[in-house]
Amino acid sequence: MWDGVRSERAGDLQIRIITDVCVEDRQAVWYTKIENKSPYVVESAYSPYIGDLSHPEGAEWFKTFLYDYADAWELKLWPSFQCTEGDHGVDFPTQFPTSGAPCAPYVLLRDSSQGLYVGVKEVTGQFVAWHSELRPGYDSAMESRVPCQEEIAGKPVHIRFAPVHMCYIQPGETEELTPIALEAYEGDWQKGVDIYKRWRDTWSHPAQPPEWACEPHPWLQLHINSPEDELRLRFTELPKVAAECVQYGIRVIQLVGWNHGGQDQGNPSHDFDPRLGTLDELKQAIAECQALGVRIVLFTKFTWADRATEWFRRELVNEAIKDPYGDYYHYNGYEYQTPAQLLNINTRMEPGHW
């Protein structure tokens, strides 16, 4: 326990930190609580903090490995240190991938045959990122090389690593940080990922899909209206497409752009687009397709908002998450079809987060 902390610029502060480290099966789990009795906001906290992260003896290389939206990141730690931040913005070579929990709830620190798993231990809404830092700096910045010697100019050569909790604890508040588990493993990266999967399976139970969705068969993604209002097919034409699908063994049509405004317009509303036909015509078309043996899956995006709509300007903007300056966060969106979209000039999406 730390009954008070000393700030580099604000002096002694009434911030109590209580950390319990527990052995749970093969894991060491850090439980941290912060009591903020200072007049300042505790914006972030590093816990646990590994002050000298060393590569395994005999290793040819040492990397971080973490999951991203649809792939994985591997960033070099040694013998070269891969910096993700510009040198204008950090004092030391730094790795700070923007992916963190919940998108990337764990990170592996590994070589080709072993590693250390570091991951969240509870399902929380708190954002946790993964931070590595090479001190005091490179041996050769041209090659991003980690110094071979133990010291440079009297400063010890070491890599710092920590999960960073973006906690924003207000004055007078107490908060428990997301617990962090550390576990060593042997094997390639799959063995490290298995640690997360075992924990995930204790609380995440996916809905059982229908039998037809479990079969290996072709799907067709059918784009009947794009964000640029290309009205390509009416609802009444779907059975004709389904009949062609039957000829070629296609069992499912994923229908994109059936909603009002087309793909990615008007979100989070998913009313049918009357320019493509009536609701009864859509229902009848789906029934006829299914009678032919072709399922219809309606593509949706309920967690996004179209900031080009009056609905967003009038109402939804008040429900979107705001940054520290009171402005809503936004994402430019995906690009479709026209130069104005492909150059990110008139893309429409804004993450909803309601």
Protein backbone atom coordinates (compact mmCIF):
# COMPACT_ATOMS: atom_id res chain seq x y z
CA MET A 1 0.00 0.00 0.00
CA TRP A 2 1.13 3.55 -0.79
CA ASP A 3 -0.53 6.04 1.55
CA GLY A 4 0.07 9.03 -0.67
CA VAL A 5 2.05 9.69 -3.86
CA ARG A 6 4.56 12.36 -4.85
CA SER A 7 4.02 14.11 -8.15
CA GLU A 8 6.96 15.47 -10.14
CA ARG A 9 5.19 18.83 -10.45
CA ALA A 10 2.41 18.96 -7.83
CA GLY A 11 4.26 17.63 -4.79
CA ASP A 12 2.75 15.25 -2.25
CA LEU A 13 -0.82 14.20 -3.06
CA GLN A 14 -3.45 12.40 -1.01
CA ILE A 15 -3.83 9.45 -3.32
CA ARG A 16 -3.81 6.05 -1.67
CA ILE A 17 -2.92 2.99 -3.78
CA ILE A 18 -3.67 -0.49 -2.49
CA THR A 19 -2.36 -3.45 -4.50
CA ASP A 20 -2.97 -7.12 -3.74
CA VAL A 21 -1.08 -9.72 -5.76
CA CYS A 22 -2.75 -13.13 -5.64
CA VAL A 23 -1.69 -16.54 -6.96
CA GLU A 24 -4.60 -18.07 -8.89
CA ASP A 25 -3.75 -21.41 -10.50
CA ARG A 26 -0.77 -20.64 -12.75
CA GLN A 27 -1.32 -16.88 -12.71
CA ALA A 28 -0.18 -13.94 -10.65
CA VAL A 29 -3.10 -11.49 -10.58
CA TRP A 30 -2.77 -7.81 -9.64
CA TYR A 31 -5.77 -6.19 -7.91
CA THR A 32 -5.32 -2.43 -7.55
CA LYS A 33 -7.55 0.11 -5.82
CA ILE A 34 -7.01 3.88 -5.94
CA GLU A 35 -8.50 6.30 -3.42
CA ASN A 36 -8.24 9.83 -4.80
CA LYS A 37 -8.48 12.45 -2.07
CA SER A 38 -6.49 14.97 -4.07
CA PRO A 39 -7.98 17.94 -5.97
CA TYR A 40 -6.87 16.44 -9.28
CA VAL A 41 -8.25 13.81 -11.66
CA VAL A 42 -6.24 10.58 -11.82
CA GLU A 43 -6.30 10.23 -15.58
CA SER A 44 -4.31 7.00 -15.95
CA ALA A 45 -2.52 4.41 -13.85
CA TYR A 46 0.21 1.92 -14.74
CA SER A 47 -0.38 -1.37 -12.95
CA PRO A 48 1.49 -3.67 -12.72
CA TYR A 49 4.71 -2.00 -13.83
CA ILE A 50 7.59 -4.21 -14.99
CA GLY A 51 10.60 -1.96 -14.68
CA ASP A 52 13.11 -4.18 -16.50
CA LEU A 53 11.64 -6.51 -19.12
CA SER A 54 14.33 -8.92 -20.31
CA HIS A 55 14.31 -11.27 -23.27
CA PRO A 56 14.67 -15.02 -22.59
CA GLU A 57 18.22 -16.33 -22.44
CA GLY A 58 19.30 -17.71 -25.79
CA ALA A 59 16.47 -16.03 -27.71
CA GLU A 60 17.10 -14.84 -31.26
CA TRP A 61 14.35 -12.20 -30.97
CA PHE A 62 11.74 -10.88 -28.54
CA LYS A 63 8.39 -9.32 -29.58
CA THR A 64 4.99 -8.17 -28.38
CA PHE A 65 1.95 -9.86 -29.91
CA LEU A 66 -1.62 -8.59 -29.61
CA TYR A 67 -4.92 -8.99 -31.39
CA ASP A 68 -6.42 -6.18 -33.45
CA TYR A 69 -9.72 -5.68 -35.27
CA ALA A 70 -9.18 -8.39 -37.88
CA ASP A 71 -5.54 -9.43 -37.57
CA ALA A 72 -2.61 -9.40 -35.14
CA TRP A 73 0.21 -6.99 -34.33
CA GLU A 74 3.78 -8.15 -33.78
CA LEU A 75 6.17 -5.42 -32.64
CA LYS A 76 9.88 -5.96 -32.08
CA LEU A 77 11.30 -5.47 -28.58
CA TRP A 78 14.81 -6.91 -29.06
CA PRO A 79 17.42 -6.87 -30.63
CA SER A 80 15.70 -3.93 -32.30
CA PHE A 81 12.92 -1.93 -30.64
CA GLN A 82 10.06 -0.98 -32.96
CA CYS A 83 8.78 2.47 -31.97
CA THR A 84 5.15 3.24 -32.82
CA GLU A 85 5.30 6.90 -31.83
CA GLY A 86 7.04 9.84 -33.50
CA ASP A 87 10.14 11.13 -31.74
CA HIS A 88 8.47 14.54 -31.57
CA GLY A 89 5.94 13.12 -29.11
CA VAL A 90 7.88 10.90 -26.69
CA ASP A 91 11.11 11.20 -24.73
CA PHE A 92 12.10 7.55 -25.25
CA PRO A 93 11.39 4.95 -27.95
CA THR A 94 7.84 3.83 -27.19
CA GLN A 95 5.39 1.15 -28.24
CA PHE A 96 1.81 2.15 -27.57
CA PRO A 97 -0.56 0.39 -29.98
CA THR A 98 -3.97 2.04 -29.95
CA SER A 99 -5.64 -1.34 -29.60
CA GLY A 100 -6.39 -2.24 -26.01
CA ALA A 101 -9.08 -3.92 -23.96
CA PRO A 102 -11.83 -4.64 -24.84
CA CYS A 103 -10.63 -4.99 -28.48
CA ALA A 104 -7.23 -6.42 -27.43
CA PRO A 105 -7.76 -7.76 -23.89
CA TYR A 106 -4.31 -9.36 -23.68
CA VAL A 107 -0.75 -9.05 -24.97
CA LEU A 108 2.01 -11.63 -25.32
CA LEU A 109 5.68 -10.88 -24.63
CA ARG A 110 7.39 -13.71 -26.47
CA ASP A 111 10.14 -15.36 -28.46
CA SER A 112 9.76 -18.39 -30.72
CA SER A 113 9.38 -20.98 -27.92
CA GLN A 114 8.04 -19.25 -24.77
CA GLY A 115 6.44 -16.10 -23.50
CA LEU A 116 4.60 -14.14 -20.86
CA TYR A 117 0.83 -13.64 -21.14
CA VAL A 118 -0.53 -10.36 -19.73
CA GLY A 119 -4.30 -9.88 -19.84
CA VAL A 120 -7.36 -8.46 -18.14
CA LYS A 121 -8.96 -10.77 -15.58
CA GLU A 122 -12.46 -9.27 -15.42
CA VAL A 123 -14.97 -8.00 -17.97
CA THR A 124 -15.12 -4.26 -17.34
CA GLY A 125 -15.78 -1.11 -19.33
CA GLN A 126 -12.38 0.36 -18.44
CA PHE A 127 -9.95 0.86 -21.30
CA VAL A 128 -6.60 -0.86 -20.72
CA ALA A 129 -3.71 -0.35 -23.17
CA TRP A 130 -0.25 -1.94 -23.37
CA HIS A 131 2.83 0.28 -23.04
CA SER A 132 6.52 -0.50 -23.65
CA GLU A 133 9.42 1.93 -23.44
CA LEU A 134 13.16 1.58 -24.20
CA ARG A 135 15.42 3.56 -21.87
CA PRO A 136 17.61 5.51 -22.17
CA GLY A 137 17.41 5.10 -25.96
CA TYR A 138 18.77 3.42 -29.08
CA ASP A 139 22.31 2.29 -29.74
CA SER A 140 21.60 3.12 -33.40
CA ALA A 141 18.44 5.02 -34.28
CA MET A 142 18.97 4.20 -37.97
CA GLU A 143 18.49 0.50 -37.16
CA SER A 144 16.30 0.94 -34.05
CA ARG A 145 18.89 -1.18 -32.26
CA VAL A 146 18.75 -1.90 -28.54
CA PRO A 147 22.14 -1.23 -26.88
CA CYS A 148 24.22 -4.33 -26.17
CA GLN A 149 25.97 -2.78 -23.17
CA GLU A 150 24.35 -2.51 -19.74
CA GLU A 151 24.71 1.28 -19.54
CA ILE A 152 24.85 4.35 -21.76
CA ALA A 153 26.34 7.52 -20.26
CA GLY A 154 25.82 6.06 -16.79
CA LYS A 155 22.16 5.25 -17.43
CA PRO A 156 21.02 1.60 -17.21
CA VAL A 157 19.69 0.08 -20.44
CA HIS A 158 16.26 -1.46 -19.84
CA ILE A 159 12.76 -1.89 -21.27
CA ARG A 160 9.76 -0.87 -19.19
CA PHE A 161 6.37 -2.49 -19.70
CA ALA A 162 2.96 -1.86 -18.13
CA PRO A 163 -0.76 -2.17 -18.69
CA VAL A 164 -2.11 1.39 -18.67
CA HIS A 165 -5.57 1.87 -17.14
CA MET A 166 -7.41 4.95 -18.43
CA CYS A 167 -9.42 5.32 -15.25
CA TYR A 168 -10.21 9.08 -14.88
CA ILE A 169 -10.80 8.90 -11.13
CA GLN A 170 -12.39 12.16 -10.00
CA PRO A 171 -11.43 13.98 -6.78
CA GLY A 172 -13.03 12.22 -3.81
CA GLU A 173 -13.69 9.00 -5.74
CA THR A 174 -12.35 5.50 -5.22
CA GLU A 175 -12.05 2.99 -8.04
CA GLU A 176 -10.81 -0.55 -8.45
CA LEU A 177 -8.75 -1.01 -11.59
CA THR A 178 -9.34 -3.93 -13.93
CA PRO A 179 -7.39 -6.89 -12.49
CA ILE A 180 -4.40 -7.95 -14.58
CA ALA A 181 -3.17 -11.55 -14.85
CA LEU A 182 0.39 -12.64 -15.72
CA GLU A 183 1.14 -16.21 -16.75
CA ALA A 184 4.24 -17.79 -18.30
CA TYR A 185 3.84 -20.35 -21.06
CA GLU A 186 5.91 -22.55 -23.35
CA GLY A 187 5.32 -22.83 -27.09
CA ASP A 188 4.45 -20.55 -29.99
CA TRP A 189 1.93 -17.66 -29.89
CA GLN A 190 -0.99 -20.09 -30.10
CA LYS A 191 -0.18 -21.36 -26.60
CA GLY A 192 -0.36 -17.83 -25.25
CA VAL A 193 -3.67 -17.15 -26.97
CA ASP A 194 -5.03 -20.39 -25.47
CA ILE A 195 -4.65 -18.83 -22.01
CA TYR A 196 -7.06 -16.06 -22.94
CA LYS A 197 -9.45 -18.50 -24.65
CA ARG A 198 -9.67 -20.68 -21.52
CA TRP A 199 -10.57 -17.65 -19.38
CA ARG A 200 -12.98 -16.27 -21.97
CA ASP A 201 -14.84 -19.57 -22.09
CA THR A 202 -15.64 -19.28 -18.37
CA TRP A 203 -17.96 -16.31 -18.96
CA SER A 204 -18.58 -15.89 -22.70
CA HIS A 205 -21.18 -18.29 -24.05
CA PRO A 206 -22.03 -17.50 -27.69
CA ALA A 207 -25.59 -18.00 -28.82
CA GLN A 208 -26.16 -21.33 -30.52
CA PRO A 209 -26.46 -20.68 -34.27
CA PRO A 210 -29.15 -22.42 -36.32
CA GLU A 211 -28.08 -25.68 -37.92
CA TRP A 212 -28.09 -24.22 -41.43
CA ALA A 213 -25.54 -21.55 -40.44
CA CYS A 214 -23.07 -24.20 -39.23
CA GLU A 215 -22.82 -25.95 -42.57
CA PRO A 216 -19.96 -25.19 -44.97
CA HIS A 217 -21.71 -23.67 -47.99
CA PRO A 218 -21.30 -20.58 -50.22
CA TRP A 219 -22.85 -17.21 -49.36
CA LEU A 220 -23.56 -14.33 -51.73
CA GLN A 221 -23.20 -10.74 -50.50
CA LEU A 222 -25.76 -8.80 -52.54
CA HIS A 223 -25.41 -5.01 -52.57
CA ILE A 224 -28.81 -3.58 -53.53
CA ASN A 225 -28.11 0.02 -52.49
CA SER A 226 -24.80 1.71 -51.65
CA PRO A 227 -24.12 4.78 -49.48
CA GLU A 228 -24.14 6.80 -52.71
CA ASP A 229 -27.77 5.88 -53.48
CA GLU A 230 -27.31 3.39 -56.27
CA LEU A 231 -30.72 1.72 -56.31
CA ARG A 232 -29.67 -1.53 -57.93
CA LEU A 233 -32.49 -3.99 -57.20
CA ARG A 234 -36.04 -3.83 -55.95
CA PHE A 235 -37.24 -6.24 -53.29
CA THR A 236 -39.45 -7.98 -55.83
CA GLU A 237 -36.37 -8.98 -57.85
CA LEU A 238 -34.76 -10.97 -55.01
CA PRO A 239 -36.49 -14.30 -55.82
CA LYS A 240 -34.99 -14.17 -59.33
CA VAL A 241 -31.51 -13.79 -57.83
CA ALA A 242 -32.24 -16.62 -55.39
CA ALA A 243 -33.24 -18.88 -58.28
CA GLU A 244 -29.83 -18.27 -59.89
CA CYS A 245 -28.17 -19.00 -56.53
CA VAL A 246 -29.89 -22.40 -56.42
CA GLN A 247 -28.34 -23.28 -59.78
CA TYR A 248 -24.83 -22.69 -58.42
CA GLY A 249 -25.26 -24.15 -54.93
CA ILE A 250 -25.41 -20.82 -53.06
CA ARG A 251 -27.50 -21.27 -49.91
CA VAL A 252 -27.44 -17.82 -48.28
CA ILE A 253 -27.79 -14.21 -49.50
CA GLN A 254 -26.40 -11.54 -47.20
CA LEU A 255 -28.50 -8.53 -48.17
CA VAL A 256 -26.68 -5.18 -47.91
CA GLY A 257 -28.34 -1.80 -48.42
CA TRP A 258 -31.95 -2.90 -47.84
CA ASN A 259 -32.37 -0.27 -45.11
CA HIS A 260 -33.43 3.34 -45.56
CA GLY A 261 -30.69 5.32 -47.33
CA GLY A 262 -28.63 2.28 -48.27
CA GLN A 263 -25.55 0.77 -46.70
CA ASP A 264 -24.25 2.79 -43.73
CA GLN A 265 -26.79 5.59 -44.16
CA GLY A 266 -29.40 6.50 -41.59
CA ASN A 267 -27.81 4.34 -38.86
CA PRO A 268 -28.71 3.29 -36.24
CA SER A 269 -32.21 3.12 -37.80
CA HIS A 270 -32.77 0.06 -39.96
CA ASP A 271 -36.19 0.77 -41.42
CA PHE A 272 -36.66 -0.66 -44.92
CA ASP A 273 -36.02 1.71 -47.83
CA PRO A 274 -39.40 2.48 -49.49
CA ARG A 275 -37.62 3.31 -52.76
CA LEU A 276 -36.82 -0.40 -53.08
CA GLY A 277 -40.38 -1.52 -52.39
CA THR A 278 -42.86 -1.93 -49.58
CA LEU A 279 -42.36 -3.81 -46.33
CA ASP A 280 -44.84 -6.45 -47.50
CA GLU A 281 -42.86 -6.86 -50.72
CA LEU A 282 -39.66 -7.40 -48.72
CA LYS A 283 -41.37 -9.99 -46.51
CA GLN A 284 -42.86 -11.77 -49.51
CA ALA A 285 -39.49 -11.79 -51.33
CA ILE A 286 -37.76 -13.31 -48.28
CA ALA A 287 -40.47 -15.99 -48.03
CA GLU A 288 -40.10 -16.88 -51.73
CA CYS A 289 -36.31 -17.06 -51.45
CA GLN A 290 -36.53 -19.36 -48.44
CA ALA A 291 -39.04 -21.55 -50.28
CA LEU A 292 -36.33 -22.03 -52.91
CA GLY A 293 -33.87 -23.08 -50.19
CA VAL A 294 -31.97 -19.78 -50.04
CA ARG A 295 -31.77 -17.97 -46.66
CA ILE A 296 -31.75 -14.16 -46.42
CA VAL A 297 -29.46 -12.50 -43.83
CA LEU A 298 -30.12 -8.76 -43.37
CA PHE A 299 -26.89 -6.78 -42.90
CA THR A 300 -27.13 -4.28 -40.01
CA LYS A 301 -25.00 -1.81 -38.00
CA PHE A 302 -26.98 -0.77 -34.96
CA THR A 303 -24.00 0.59 -33.00
CA TRP A 304 -23.10 3.26 -35.57
CA ALA A 305 -24.67 6.63 -36.26
CA ASP A 306 -24.85 8.50 -39.55
CA ARG A 307 -23.81 12.06 -38.68
CA ALA A 308 -25.28 13.34 -41.98
CA THR A 309 -28.83 12.86 -40.71
CA GLU A 310 -31.05 15.43 -39.05
CA TRP A 311 -31.78 12.77 -36.40
CA PHE A 312 -28.12 12.79 -35.40
CA ARG A 313 -27.88 16.60 -35.33
CA ARG A 314 -31.10 16.99 -33.38
CA GLU A 315 -31.03 14.06 -30.95
CA LEU A 316 -28.34 11.39 -31.23
CA VAL A 317 -25.47 13.85 -30.85
CA ASN A 318 -26.57 14.29 -27.24
CA GLU A 319 -26.10 10.57 -26.59
CA ALA A 320 -22.70 10.14 -28.28
CA ILE A 321 -19.57 9.89 -26.12
CA LYS A 322 -17.75 13.22 -25.82
CA ASP A 323 -14.04 13.97 -25.63
CA PRO A 324 -12.58 16.13 -22.81
CA TYR A 325 -13.46 19.25 -24.81
CA GLY A 326 -17.14 18.41 -25.20
CA ASP A 327 -16.96 17.34 -28.85
CA TYR A 328 -18.22 13.94 -29.96
CA TYR A 329 -15.70 11.37 -31.12
CA HIS A 330 -16.07 10.42 -34.74
CA TYR A 331 -14.61 8.00 -37.22
CA ASN A 332 -14.40 9.01 -40.86
CA GLY A 333 -16.10 5.80 -41.89
CA TYR A 334 -15.52 3.29 -44.63
CA GLU A 335 -15.11 4.47 -48.21
CA TYR A 336 -17.39 3.39 -51.05
CA GLN A 337 -17.75 3.81 -54.79
CA THR A 338 -17.13 7.52 -55.58
CA PRO A 339 -14.01 9.72 -55.40
CA ALA A 340 -15.62 11.88 -52.70
CA GLN A 341 -16.02 8.78 -50.51
CA LEU A 342 -12.73 7.12 -51.40
CA LEU A 343 -10.89 10.33 -50.44
CA ASN A 344 -12.74 10.49 -47.07
CA ILE A 345 -14.50 13.74 -48.00
CA ASN A 346 -18.11 12.78 -47.37
CA THR A 347 -18.02 9.54 -45.41
CA ARG A 348 -20.81 9.42 -42.88
CA MET A 349 -20.07 7.21 -39.91
CA GLU A 350 -19.67 8.14 -36.27
CA PRO A 351 -19.28 5.46 -33.57
CA GLY A 352 -22.47 5.42 -31.54
CA HIS A 353 -21.53 4.11 -28.05
CA TRP A 354 -24.95 4.53 -26.49
